[in-house]
Amino acid sequence: MKTTTSIPASRSLKTFVLFVTLLLSFSPGLFAIDLQSALSRGLAGEVDNGYLAIPPGATNEAQPLVKSVNNQRRAAYASLATKNGVTPEIAGQVTFEKRYPEFPVGTWVKIQGRWTQK
């Protein structure tokens, strides 16, 4: 996937993206399921806009987790966008692109509107 705007590569940006990635990888203990379990069980999937969604055929068991993580990501993308002079949408797309290689095999991903498993 290509974006028309790119975020300048810098050490501080890489550090920030790593921090956001780590922050978003952990979910509060309030949920019956954690993010890694939801992804590995196919109850949640990654979308090319940087957010989570429920993949086709999955139950809504992970919906509260998806909503919470997406709220955290929304705030992180807004901050990243402000710091780099881009839109939050571009920040989300770029973060997805940087994180994609780290998604385990079998992770549901939605790219350009189409769900598939990595």
C-alpha atoms as a PDB file:
ATOM      1  CA  MET A   1       0.000   0.000   0.000  1.00  0.00           C
ATOM      2  CA  LYS A   2       1.315   3.425  -0.910  1.00  0.00           C
ATOM      3  CA  THR A   3       0.502   6.708   0.740  1.00  0.00           C
ATOM      4  CA  THR A   4       0.769  10.063  -0.909  1.00  0.00           C
ATOM      5  CA  THR A   5       2.358  11.660   2.152  1.00  0.00           C
ATOM      6  CA  SER A   6       5.191  10.144   4.096  1.00  0.00           C
ATOM      7  CA  ILE A   7       6.366  10.879   7.583  1.00  0.00           C
ATOM      8  CA  PRO A   8      10.036  11.891   7.658  1.00  0.00           C
ATOM      9  CA  ALA A   9      12.178   9.111   9.072  1.00  0.00           C
ATOM     10  CA  SER A  10      13.997  10.157  12.187  1.00  0.00           C
ATOM     11  CA  ARG A  11      15.249   8.500  15.304  1.00  0.00           C
ATOM     12  CA  SER A  12      12.660  10.254  17.467  1.00  0.00           C
ATOM     13  CA  LEU A  13       9.861   9.164  15.128  1.00  0.00           C
ATOM     14  CA  LYS A  14      11.087   5.578  15.164  1.00  0.00           C
ATOM     15  CA  THR A  15      11.255   5.695  18.952  1.00  0.00           C
ATOM     16  CA  PHE A  16       7.756   7.150  19.114  1.00  0.00           C
ATOM     17  CA  VAL A  17       6.344   4.509  16.733  1.00  0.00           C
ATOM     18  CA  LEU A  18       7.971   1.786  18.809  1.00  0.00           C
ATOM     19  CA  PHE A  19       6.498   3.311  21.977  1.00  0.00           C
ATOM     20  CA  VAL A  20       3.030   3.533  20.396  1.00  0.00           C
ATOM     21  CA  THR A  21       3.321  -0.039  19.134  1.00  0.00           C
ATOM     22  CA  LEU A  22       4.220  -1.305  22.582  1.00  0.00           C
ATOM     23  CA  LEU A  23       1.521   0.791  24.215  1.00  0.00           C
ATOM     24  CA  LEU A  24      -1.097  -0.480  21.814  1.00  0.00           C
ATOM     25  CA  SER A  25       0.010  -4.085  22.203  1.00  0.00           C
ATOM     26  CA  PHE A  26      -1.042  -4.179  25.823  1.00  0.00           C
ATOM     27  CA  SER A  27      -4.633  -3.968  26.908  1.00  0.00           C
ATOM     28  CA  PRO A  28      -6.036  -3.309  30.348  1.00  0.00           C
ATOM     29  CA  GLY A  29      -6.866  -6.370  32.429  1.00  0.00           C
ATOM     30  CA  LEU A  30     -10.517  -5.332  32.362  1.00  0.00           C
ATOM     31  CA  PHE A  31     -11.250  -7.376  29.274  1.00  0.00           C
ATOM     32  CA  ALA A  32     -12.038 -11.073  29.153  1.00  0.00           C
ATOM     33  CA  ILE A  33      -9.567 -11.390  26.294  1.00  0.00           C
ATOM     34  CA  ASP A  34      -6.294  -9.617  25.566  1.00  0.00           C
ATOM     35  CA  LEU A  35      -5.275  -8.196  22.214  1.00  0.00           C
ATOM     36  CA  GLN A  36      -2.781 -10.912  21.285  1.00  0.00           C
ATOM     37  CA  SER A  37      -5.318 -13.631  22.084  1.00  0.00           C
ATOM     38  CA  ALA A  38      -8.033 -11.852  20.098  1.00  0.00           C
ATOM     39  CA  LEU A  39      -5.724 -11.537  17.086  1.00  0.00           C
ATOM     40  CA  SER A  40      -4.425 -15.109  17.277  1.00  0.00           C
ATOM     41  CA  ARG A  41      -7.946 -16.535  17.702  1.00  0.00           C
ATOM     42  CA  GLY A  42      -9.270 -14.534  14.751  1.00  0.00           C
ATOM     43  CA  LEU A  43     -11.636 -12.490  16.918  1.00  0.00           C
ATOM     44  CA  ALA A  44      -9.998  -9.207  15.844  1.00  0.00           C
ATOM     45  CA  GLY A  45      -7.977  -8.161  12.863  1.00  0.00           C
ATOM     46  CA  GLU A  46      -5.737  -5.295  11.798  1.00  0.00           C
ATOM     47  CA  VAL A  47      -6.982  -2.804   9.201  1.00  0.00           C
ATOM     48  CA  ASP A  48      -4.753  -0.807   6.844  1.00  0.00           C
ATOM     49  CA  ASN A  49      -5.994   2.429   8.437  1.00  0.00           C
ATOM     50  CA  GLY A  50      -4.205   1.460  11.661  1.00  0.00           C
ATOM     51  CA  TYR A  51      -7.262   0.371  13.610  1.00  0.00           C
ATOM     52  CA  LEU A  52      -8.757  -2.965  14.639  1.00  0.00           C
ATOM     53  CA  ALA A  53     -11.987  -4.499  13.385  1.00  0.00           C
ATOM     54  CA  ILE A  54     -13.919  -7.723  13.765  1.00  0.00           C
ATOM     55  CA  PRO A  55     -13.065 -10.021  10.832  1.00  0.00           C
ATOM     56  CA  PRO A  56     -15.723 -11.921   8.873  1.00  0.00           C
ATOM     57  CA  GLY A  57     -17.236 -14.878  10.677  1.00  0.00           C
ATOM     58  CA  ALA A  58     -15.935 -13.836  14.110  1.00  0.00           C
ATOM     59  CA  THR A  59     -18.154 -13.366  17.134  1.00  0.00           C
ATOM     60  CA  ASN A  60     -18.391  -9.996  18.836  1.00  0.00           C
ATOM     61  CA  GLU A  61     -16.548 -11.317  21.907  1.00  0.00           C
ATOM     62  CA  ALA A  62     -13.646  -8.929  21.313  1.00  0.00           C
ATOM     63  CA  GLN A  63     -15.782  -5.864  20.484  1.00  0.00           C
ATOM     64  CA  PRO A  64     -15.157  -4.069  23.839  1.00  0.00           C
ATOM     65  CA  LEU A  65     -11.418  -4.673  23.430  1.00  0.00           C
ATOM     66  CA  VAL A  66     -11.463  -3.471  19.804  1.00  0.00           C
ATOM     67  CA  LYS A  67     -13.280  -0.295  20.826  1.00  0.00           C
ATOM     68  CA  SER A  68     -10.854   0.425  23.678  1.00  0.00           C
ATOM     69  CA  VAL A  69      -7.709  -0.241  21.628  1.00  0.00           C
ATOM     70  CA  ASN A  70      -9.051   1.871  18.756  1.00  0.00           C
ATOM     71  CA  ASN A  71      -9.675   4.766  21.145  1.00  0.00           C
ATOM     72  CA  GLN A  72      -6.071   4.488  22.368  1.00  0.00           C
ATOM     73  CA  ARG A  73      -4.787   4.314  18.804  1.00  0.00           C
ATOM     74  CA  ARG A  74      -6.894   7.313  17.762  1.00  0.00           C
ATOM     75  CA  ALA A  75      -5.241   9.411  20.473  1.00  0.00           C
ATOM     76  CA  ALA A  76      -1.772   8.107  19.580  1.00  0.00           C
ATOM     77  CA  TYR A  77      -2.267   8.815  15.857  1.00  0.00           C
ATOM     78  CA  ALA A  78      -3.498  12.332  16.596  1.00  0.00           C
ATOM     79  CA  SER A  79      -0.366  12.996  18.638  1.00  0.00           C
ATOM     80  CA  LEU A  80       1.910  11.454  16.011  1.00  0.00           C
ATOM     81  CA  ALA A  81       0.182  13.459  13.271  1.00  0.00           C
ATOM     82  CA  THR A  82       0.600  16.739  15.144  1.00  0.00           C
ATOM     83  CA  LYS A  83       4.293  16.088  15.727  1.00  0.00           C
ATOM     84  CA  ASN A  84       4.911  15.245  12.065  1.00  0.00           C
ATOM     85  CA  GLY A  85       2.584  17.651  10.267  1.00  0.00           C
ATOM     86  CA  VAL A  86       0.369  14.999   8.707  1.00  0.00           C
ATOM     87  CA  THR A  87      -3.221  13.903   9.222  1.00  0.00           C
ATOM     88  CA  PRO A  88      -4.153  11.264  11.806  1.00  0.00           C
ATOM     89  CA  GLU A  89      -5.275   9.089   8.883  1.00  0.00           C
ATOM     90  CA  ILE A  90      -1.788   9.148   7.365  1.00  0.00           C
ATOM     91  CA  ALA A  91      -0.239   8.456  10.782  1.00  0.00           C
ATOM     92  CA  GLY A  92      -2.500   5.393  11.150  1.00  0.00           C
ATOM     93  CA  GLN A  93      -1.665   4.114   7.671  1.00  0.00           C
ATOM     94  CA  VAL A  94       2.070   4.556   8.161  1.00  0.00           C
ATOM     95  CA  THR A  95       1.952   2.846  11.551  1.00  0.00           C
ATOM     96  CA  PHE A  96       0.085  -0.102   9.990  1.00  0.00           C
ATOM     97  CA  GLU A  97       2.690  -0.342   7.229  1.00  0.00           C
ATOM     98  CA  LYS A  98       5.556  -0.330   9.732  1.00  0.00           C
ATOM     99  CA  ARG A  99       3.883  -2.919  11.972  1.00  0.00           C
ATOM    100  CA  TYR A 100       2.667  -5.257   9.206  1.00  0.00           C
ATOM    101  CA  PRO A 101       5.879  -7.319   8.965  1.00  0.00           C
ATOM    102  CA  GLU A 102       5.594  -8.087  12.690  1.00  0.00           C
ATOM    103  CA  PHE A 103       2.059  -9.516  12.461  1.00  0.00           C
ATOM    104  CA  PRO A 104       2.144 -13.271  13.064  1.00  0.00           C
ATOM    105  CA  VAL A 105       1.158 -15.607  10.250  1.00  0.00           C
ATOM    106  CA  GLY A 106      -2.593 -16.170  10.392  1.00  0.00           C
ATOM    107  CA  THR A 107      -3.436 -12.647  11.571  1.00  0.00           C
ATOM    108  CA  TRP A 108      -6.548 -11.280   9.854  1.00  0.00           C
ATOM    109  CA  VAL A 109      -5.778  -8.081   7.951  1.00  0.00           C
ATOM    110  CA  LYS A 110      -8.049  -5.840   5.923  1.00  0.00           C
ATOM    111  CA  ILE A 111      -6.199  -4.139   3.089  1.00  0.00           C
ATOM    112  CA  GLN A 112      -8.017  -1.891   0.615  1.00  0.00           C
ATOM    113  CA  GLY A 113     -11.364  -3.174   1.874  1.00  0.00           C
ATOM    114  CA  ARG A 114     -10.532  -6.876   1.535  1.00  0.00           C
ATOM    115  CA  TRP A 115     -10.058  -9.248   4.463  1.00  0.00           C
ATOM    116  CA  THR A 116      -7.355 -11.891   4.198  1.00  0.00           C
ATOM    117  CA  GLN A 117      -5.110 -13.823   6.539  1.00  0.00           C
ATOM    118  CA  LYS A 118      -1.423 -13.021   6.530  1.00  0.00           C
END
